Amino acid sequence: MDVKVRYFASLRDRMGKGDESVSFDKDTATVADLWSKVSSEPMPESILVAVNMEYTDSSHELKNGDEVAFFPPVTGG
């Protein structure tokens, strides 16, 4: 299974790239599994996640060809 991953704002700086393609050897994976594959750090609870432009959570099951976007928490003022 292959998914496209996009990082925004400070996550782009932290990850050192704006996007990447990630492959899994298995047919099923969650957003949390994806985060574990792309980062050695635990997934922050406050991170926002969208799969195919719809907000979801870390338990969302991914499908081949999905686009996953990670957004840092946003504060206003």
C-alpha atoms as a PDB file:
ATOM      1  CA  MET A   1       0.000   0.000   0.000  1.00  0.00           C
ATOM      2  CA  ASP A   2       1.279   3.478  -0.894  1.00  0.00           C
ATOM      3  CA  VAL A   3       0.148   6.790   0.586  1.00  0.00           C
ATOM      4  CA  LYS A   4       1.212  10.379   0.040  1.00  0.00           C
ATOM      5  CA  VAL A   5       2.070  12.380   3.154  1.00  0.00           C
ATOM      6  CA  ARG A   6       2.108  16.173   3.414  1.00  0.00           C
ATOM      7  CA  TYR A   7       3.503  18.226   6.299  1.00  0.00           C
ATOM      8  CA  PHE A   8       2.469  21.803   6.999  1.00  0.00           C
ATOM      9  CA  ALA A   9       3.899  24.808   8.879  1.00  0.00           C
ATOM     10  CA  SER A  10       6.308  23.892  11.693  1.00  0.00           C
ATOM     11  CA  LEU A  11       5.921  20.176  10.947  1.00  0.00           C
ATOM     12  CA  ARG A  12       7.442  20.793   7.527  1.00  0.00           C
ATOM     13  CA  ASP A  13      10.496  22.289   9.225  1.00  0.00           C
ATOM     14  CA  ARG A  14      10.628  19.531  11.835  1.00  0.00           C
ATOM     15  CA  MET A  15      10.393  16.743   9.248  1.00  0.00           C
ATOM     16  CA  GLY A  16      12.783  18.468   6.837  1.00  0.00           C
ATOM     17  CA  LYS A  17      10.410  18.114   3.877  1.00  0.00           C
ATOM     18  CA  GLY A  18       6.980  19.157   2.701  1.00  0.00           C
ATOM     19  CA  ASP A  19       5.801  15.817   1.395  1.00  0.00           C
ATOM     20  CA  GLU A  20       6.808  12.252   0.765  1.00  0.00           C
ATOM     21  CA  SER A  21       5.458   8.923  -0.435  1.00  0.00           C
ATOM     22  CA  VAL A  22       5.317   6.101   2.081  1.00  0.00           C
ATOM     23  CA  SER A  23       4.905   2.406   1.313  1.00  0.00           C
ATOM     24  CA  PHE A  24       3.602  -0.291   3.632  1.00  0.00           C
ATOM     25  CA  ASP A  25       4.247  -4.009   3.204  1.00  0.00           C
ATOM     26  CA  LYS A  26       0.777  -4.733   4.556  1.00  0.00           C
ATOM     27  CA  ASP A  27      -2.670  -3.940   3.137  1.00  0.00           C
ATOM     28  CA  THR A  28      -4.006  -2.157   6.223  1.00  0.00           C
ATOM     29  CA  ALA A  29      -2.538   0.627   8.335  1.00  0.00           C
ATOM     30  CA  THR A  30      -3.837   3.484  10.434  1.00  0.00           C
ATOM     31  CA  VAL A  31      -2.763   7.112  10.605  1.00  0.00           C
ATOM     32  CA  ALA A  32      -0.961   6.219  13.857  1.00  0.00           C
ATOM     33  CA  ASP A  33       0.945   3.453  12.020  1.00  0.00           C
ATOM     34  CA  LEU A  34       1.923   5.981   9.373  1.00  0.00           C
ATOM     35  CA  TRP A  35       3.183   8.473  11.966  1.00  0.00           C
ATOM     36  CA  SER A  36       5.275   5.717  13.569  1.00  0.00           C
ATOM     37  CA  LYS A  37       6.800   4.980  10.191  1.00  0.00           C
ATOM     38  CA  VAL A  38       7.753   8.612   9.432  1.00  0.00           C
ATOM     39  CA  SER A  39       8.795   9.782  12.908  1.00  0.00           C
ATOM     40  CA  SER A  40      10.781   8.348  15.792  1.00  0.00           C
ATOM     41  CA  GLU A  41       8.805  10.544  18.206  1.00  0.00           C
ATOM     42  CA  PRO A  42       5.311   9.734  19.508  1.00  0.00           C
ATOM     43  CA  MET A  43       2.471  11.384  17.599  1.00  0.00           C
ATOM     44  CA  PRO A  44       1.513  14.586  19.444  1.00  0.00           C
ATOM     45  CA  GLU A  45      -2.065  14.495  20.755  1.00  0.00           C
ATOM     46  CA  SER A  46      -2.694  18.024  19.502  1.00  0.00           C
ATOM     47  CA  ILE A  47      -1.707  17.335  15.896  1.00  0.00           C
ATOM     48  CA  LEU A  48      -4.442  17.714  13.271  1.00  0.00           C
ATOM     49  CA  VAL A  49      -4.794  15.044  10.601  1.00  0.00           C
ATOM     50  CA  ALA A  50      -6.695  15.048   7.322  1.00  0.00           C
ATOM     51  CA  VAL A  51      -7.090  12.075   5.000  1.00  0.00           C
ATOM     52  CA  ASN A  52      -8.141  13.009   1.476  1.00  0.00           C
ATOM     53  CA  MET A  53      -8.942  16.544   2.713  1.00  0.00           C
ATOM     54  CA  GLU A  54     -11.273  15.420   5.532  1.00  0.00           C
ATOM     55  CA  TYR A  55     -10.253  15.778   9.164  1.00  0.00           C
ATOM     56  CA  THR A  56      -9.975  12.521  11.061  1.00  0.00           C
ATOM     57  CA  ASP A  57      -8.054  10.955  13.948  1.00  0.00           C
ATOM     58  CA  SER A  58      -5.118   8.619  14.394  1.00  0.00           C
ATOM     59  CA  SER A  59      -7.285   5.472  14.314  1.00  0.00           C
ATOM     60  CA  HIS A  60      -8.458   6.143  10.743  1.00  0.00           C
ATOM     61  CA  GLU A  61      -7.673   3.163   8.508  1.00  0.00           C
ATOM     62  CA  LEU A  62      -5.774   4.103   5.374  1.00  0.00           C
ATOM     63  CA  LYS A  63      -6.286   2.817   1.854  1.00  0.00           C
ATOM     64  CA  ASN A  64      -3.917   2.598  -1.073  1.00  0.00           C
ATOM     65  CA  GLY A  65      -3.524   6.000  -2.718  1.00  0.00           C
ATOM     66  CA  ASP A  66      -4.736   8.074   0.248  1.00  0.00           C
ATOM     67  CA  GLU A  67      -3.270  11.509   0.871  1.00  0.00           C
ATOM     68  CA  VAL A  68      -2.563  12.237   4.535  1.00  0.00           C
ATOM     69  CA  ALA A  69      -1.858  15.750   5.779  1.00  0.00           C
ATOM     70  CA  PHE A  70      -0.410  16.557   9.193  1.00  0.00           C
ATOM     71  CA  PHE A  71      -0.956  20.032  10.676  1.00  0.00           C
ATOM     72  CA  PRO A  72       0.544  21.402  13.890  1.00  0.00           C
ATOM     73  CA  PRO A  73      -1.872  22.849  16.445  1.00  0.00           C
ATOM     74  CA  VAL A  74      -2.991  26.360  15.565  1.00  0.00           C
ATOM     75  CA  THR A  75      -3.343  29.164  18.056  1.00  0.00           C
ATOM     76  CA  GLY A  76      -5.010  32.477  17.520  1.00  0.00           C
ATOM     77  CA  GLY A  77      -4.770  35.783  19.120  1.00  0.00           C
END
